[in-house]
Amino acid sequence: MKKDIHPDYHMITVRLTNGTSFETRSTWGKAGDELRLEVDPVSHPAWTGGARHLLDTGQLSRFKKRFGQFKIGEAS
């Protein structure tokens, strides 16, 4: 194995937006540094579910306007 080609792994502290923290090994910063996250699983909508809403760009409205008179799945 070649020497001096691998990054230096060391212990850092990761602090989440709610104030909790944990220690992990990383190549970021120096040993003992603290990484403060602005976006994390506690606050980001990708993990929390966030506000889900339908964005109608007009295609759905045009479809309903054009084909709304047809009743699919119902007997005539």
N, C-alpha and C. Protein backbone atom coordinates (compact mmCIF):
# COMPACT_ATOMS: atom_id res chain seq x y z
N MET A 1 0.83 -1.17 0.00
CA MET A 1 0.00 0.00 0.00
C MET A 1 0.89 1.25 0.00
N LYS A 2 0.53 2.24 -0.82
CA LYS A 2 1.32 3.46 -0.89
C LYS A 2 1.13 4.31 0.36
N LYS A 3 2.20 4.95 0.78
CA LYS A 3 2.13 5.82 1.96
C LYS A 3 1.73 7.23 1.54
N ASP A 4 1.13 7.95 2.46
CA ASP A 4 0.79 9.37 2.30
C ASP A 4 -0.18 9.67 1.17
N ILE A 5 -1.02 8.70 0.76
CA ILE A 5 -2.03 9.01 -0.25
C ILE A 5 -3.44 9.05 0.36
N HIS A 6 -3.58 8.57 1.57
CA HIS A 6 -4.89 8.53 2.22
C HIS A 6 -5.08 9.77 3.09
N PRO A 7 -6.32 10.27 3.14
CA PRO A 7 -6.57 11.45 3.98
C PRO A 7 -6.44 11.11 5.46
N ASP A 8 -6.20 12.13 6.26
CA ASP A 8 -6.07 11.97 7.69
C ASP A 8 -7.45 11.94 8.33
N TYR A 9 -7.83 10.80 8.88
CA TYR A 9 -9.10 10.69 9.60
C TYR A 9 -8.86 11.04 11.05
N HIS A 10 -9.75 11.84 11.60
CA HIS A 10 -9.63 12.24 13.00
C HIS A 10 -11.04 12.47 13.55
N MET A 11 -11.15 12.63 14.84
CA MET A 11 -12.45 12.81 15.49
C MET A 11 -12.85 14.28 15.45
N ILE A 12 -14.11 14.54 15.03
CA ILE A 12 -14.69 15.88 15.08
C ILE A 12 -16.05 15.78 15.77
N THR A 13 -16.59 16.91 16.18
CA THR A 13 -17.92 16.98 16.76
C THR A 13 -18.85 17.61 15.74
N VAL A 14 -20.00 16.98 15.50
CA VAL A 14 -21.01 17.51 14.59
C VAL A 14 -22.16 18.01 15.45
N ARG A 15 -22.52 19.31 15.29
CA ARG A 15 -23.61 19.91 16.06
C ARG A 15 -24.78 20.18 15.13
N LEU A 16 -25.96 19.63 15.48
CA LEU A 16 -27.17 19.81 14.69
C LEU A 16 -27.85 21.12 15.05
N THR A 17 -28.88 21.50 14.29
CA THR A 17 -29.56 22.78 14.50
C THR A 17 -30.30 22.84 15.83
N ASN A 18 -30.70 21.69 16.38
CA ASN A 18 -31.43 21.71 17.66
C ASN A 18 -30.48 21.67 18.86
N GLY A 19 -29.17 21.72 18.61
CA GLY A 19 -28.20 21.77 19.70
C GLY A 19 -27.59 20.44 20.07
N THR A 20 -28.17 19.34 19.62
CA THR A 20 -27.58 18.04 19.91
C THR A 20 -26.30 17.87 19.10
N SER A 21 -25.43 17.01 19.58
CA SER A 21 -24.17 16.81 18.89
C SER A 21 -23.73 15.35 19.02
N PHE A 22 -22.84 14.97 18.14
CA PHE A 22 -22.25 13.64 18.20
C PHE A 22 -20.83 13.71 17.65
N GLU A 23 -20.03 12.74 17.99
CA GLU A 23 -18.66 12.69 17.50
C GLU A 23 -18.56 11.63 16.41
N THR A 24 -17.75 11.94 15.41
CA THR A 24 -17.55 11.01 14.31
C THR A 24 -16.16 11.21 13.74
N ARG A 25 -15.73 10.25 12.95
CA ARG A 25 -14.44 10.39 12.27
C ARG A 25 -14.68 11.08 10.94
N SER A 26 -13.74 11.95 10.55
CA SER A 26 -13.90 12.71 9.32
C SER A 26 -12.55 13.18 8.81
N THR A 27 -12.53 13.59 7.56
CA THR A 27 -11.35 14.23 7.00
C THR A 27 -11.50 15.75 7.02
N TRP A 28 -12.68 16.23 7.44
CA TRP A 28 -12.96 17.67 7.49
C TRP A 28 -12.22 18.32 8.66
N GLY A 29 -11.67 19.48 8.45
CA GLY A 29 -11.05 20.26 9.52
C GLY A 29 -9.87 19.57 10.18
N LYS A 30 -9.70 19.92 11.47
CA LYS A 30 -8.62 19.33 12.26
C LYS A 30 -9.23 18.55 13.41
N ALA A 31 -8.43 17.74 14.05
CA ALA A 31 -8.90 16.95 15.20
C ALA A 31 -9.48 17.88 16.25
N GLY A 32 -10.68 17.56 16.73
CA GLY A 32 -11.32 18.35 17.77
C GLY A 32 -12.19 19.48 17.27
N ASP A 33 -12.20 19.77 15.95
CA ASP A 33 -13.03 20.84 15.41
C ASP A 33 -14.51 20.50 15.55
N GLU A 34 -15.36 21.54 15.49
CA GLU A 34 -16.80 21.35 15.58
C GLU A 34 -17.43 21.79 14.27
N LEU A 35 -18.19 20.90 13.64
CA LEU A 35 -18.90 21.17 12.40
C LEU A 35 -20.34 21.50 12.75
N ARG A 36 -20.77 22.73 12.49
CA ARG A 36 -22.15 23.14 12.77
C ARG A 36 -22.95 23.04 11.48
N LEU A 37 -24.02 22.25 11.52
CA LEU A 37 -24.85 22.04 10.34
C LEU A 37 -25.99 23.04 10.30
N GLU A 38 -26.23 23.63 9.14
CA GLU A 38 -27.37 24.50 8.95
C GLU A 38 -28.57 23.71 8.45
N VAL A 39 -28.31 22.64 7.73
CA VAL A 39 -29.36 21.77 7.21
C VAL A 39 -29.05 20.37 7.70
N ASP A 40 -30.00 19.78 8.41
CA ASP A 40 -29.79 18.44 8.94
C ASP A 40 -31.11 17.68 9.02
N PRO A 41 -31.09 16.41 9.39
CA PRO A 41 -32.31 15.61 9.44
C PRO A 41 -33.35 16.14 10.42
N VAL A 42 -32.97 17.00 11.35
CA VAL A 42 -33.92 17.55 12.31
C VAL A 42 -34.75 18.66 11.69
N SER A 43 -34.17 19.44 10.77
CA SER A 43 -34.85 20.63 10.28
C SER A 43 -35.20 20.62 8.80
N HIS A 44 -34.58 19.79 8.00
CA HIS A 44 -34.78 19.85 6.55
C HIS A 44 -36.03 19.10 6.11
N PRO A 45 -36.85 19.71 5.24
CA PRO A 45 -38.09 19.07 4.78
C PRO A 45 -37.89 17.73 4.07
N ALA A 46 -36.72 17.50 3.51
CA ALA A 46 -36.47 16.22 2.85
C ALA A 46 -36.56 15.07 3.84
N TRP A 47 -36.20 15.31 5.10
CA TRP A 47 -36.27 14.27 6.13
C TRP A 47 -37.53 14.38 6.98
N THR A 48 -38.04 15.58 7.17
CA THR A 48 -39.19 15.76 8.07
C THR A 48 -40.51 15.62 7.36
N GLY A 49 -40.52 15.58 6.04
CA GLY A 49 -41.77 15.49 5.30
C GLY A 49 -42.18 16.83 4.74
N GLY A 50 -41.90 17.89 5.45
CA GLY A 50 -42.14 19.24 4.96
C GLY A 50 -43.56 19.49 4.52
N ALA A 51 -43.76 20.59 3.89
CA ALA A 51 -45.08 20.95 3.37
C ALA A 51 -45.22 20.34 1.98
N ARG A 52 -46.19 19.47 1.85
CA ARG A 52 -46.42 18.84 0.55
C ARG A 52 -47.64 19.49 -0.07
N HIS A 53 -47.48 19.99 -1.26
CA HIS A 53 -48.61 20.58 -1.96
C HIS A 53 -48.45 20.33 -3.45
N LEU A 54 -49.57 20.27 -4.14
CA LEU A 54 -49.59 19.99 -5.56
C LEU A 54 -49.33 21.29 -6.31
N LEU A 55 -48.37 21.27 -7.17
CA LEU A 55 -48.07 22.43 -7.99
C LEU A 55 -48.70 22.20 -9.35
N ASP A 56 -49.77 22.94 -9.63
CA ASP A 56 -50.48 22.80 -10.90
C ASP A 56 -49.89 23.79 -11.89
N THR A 57 -49.20 23.27 -12.90
CA THR A 57 -48.57 24.15 -13.88
C THR A 57 -49.51 24.46 -15.03
N GLY A 58 -50.77 24.06 -14.90
CA GLY A 58 -51.73 24.33 -15.96
C GLY A 58 -52.09 23.10 -16.74
N GLN A 59 -51.24 22.09 -16.75
CA GLN A 59 -51.52 20.89 -17.53
C GLN A 59 -52.71 20.13 -16.98
N LEU A 60 -52.80 20.03 -15.67
CA LEU A 60 -53.91 19.33 -15.05
C LEU A 60 -55.22 20.07 -15.32
N SER A 61 -55.19 21.37 -15.21
CA SER A 61 -56.39 22.18 -15.47
C SER A 61 -56.84 22.03 -16.92
N ARG A 62 -55.90 22.06 -17.85
CA ARG A 62 -56.25 21.89 -19.26
C ARG A 62 -56.81 20.50 -19.53
N PHE A 63 -56.23 19.48 -18.88
CA PHE A 63 -56.72 18.12 -19.06
C PHE A 63 -58.16 17.99 -18.56
N LYS A 64 -58.43 18.53 -17.36
CA LYS A 64 -59.78 18.45 -16.80
C LYS A 64 -60.79 19.22 -17.66
N LYS A 65 -60.36 20.35 -18.19
CA LYS A 65 -61.25 21.16 -19.02
C LYS A 65 -61.57 20.42 -20.32
N ARG A 66 -60.58 19.76 -20.87
CA ARG A 66 -60.74 19.08 -22.16
C ARG A 66 -61.50 17.76 -22.05
N PHE A 67 -61.21 17.00 -20.97
CA PHE A 67 -61.79 15.66 -20.85
C PHE A 67 -62.72 15.50 -19.65
N GLY A 68 -63.09 16.58 -19.02
CA GLY A 68 -63.92 16.52 -17.82
C GLY A 68 -65.31 15.94 -18.02
N GLN A 69 -65.84 16.04 -19.24
CA GLN A 69 -67.19 15.54 -19.49
C GLN A 69 -67.26 14.02 -19.55
N PHE A 70 -66.11 13.36 -19.72
CA PHE A 70 -66.08 11.90 -19.77
C PHE A 70 -66.04 11.34 -18.35
N LYS A 71 -66.86 10.37 -18.08
CA LYS A 71 -66.89 9.71 -16.77
C LYS A 71 -66.22 8.36 -16.90
N ILE A 72 -65.03 8.23 -16.45
CA ILE A 72 -64.28 6.99 -16.56
C ILE A 72 -64.66 6.07 -15.42
N GLY A 73 -64.99 4.83 -15.77
CA GLY A 73 -65.30 3.83 -14.74
C GLY A 73 -66.76 3.83 -14.32
N GLU A 74 -67.58 4.71 -14.86
CA GLU A 74 -69.00 4.76 -14.53
C GLU A 74 -69.81 4.31 -15.73
N ALA A 75 -70.91 3.62 -15.46
CA ALA A 75 -71.79 3.16 -16.53
C ALA A 75 -72.59 4.35 -17.05
N SER A 76 -72.75 4.43 -18.35
CA SER A 76 -73.50 5.54 -18.94
C SER A 76 -74.97 5.30 -18.90
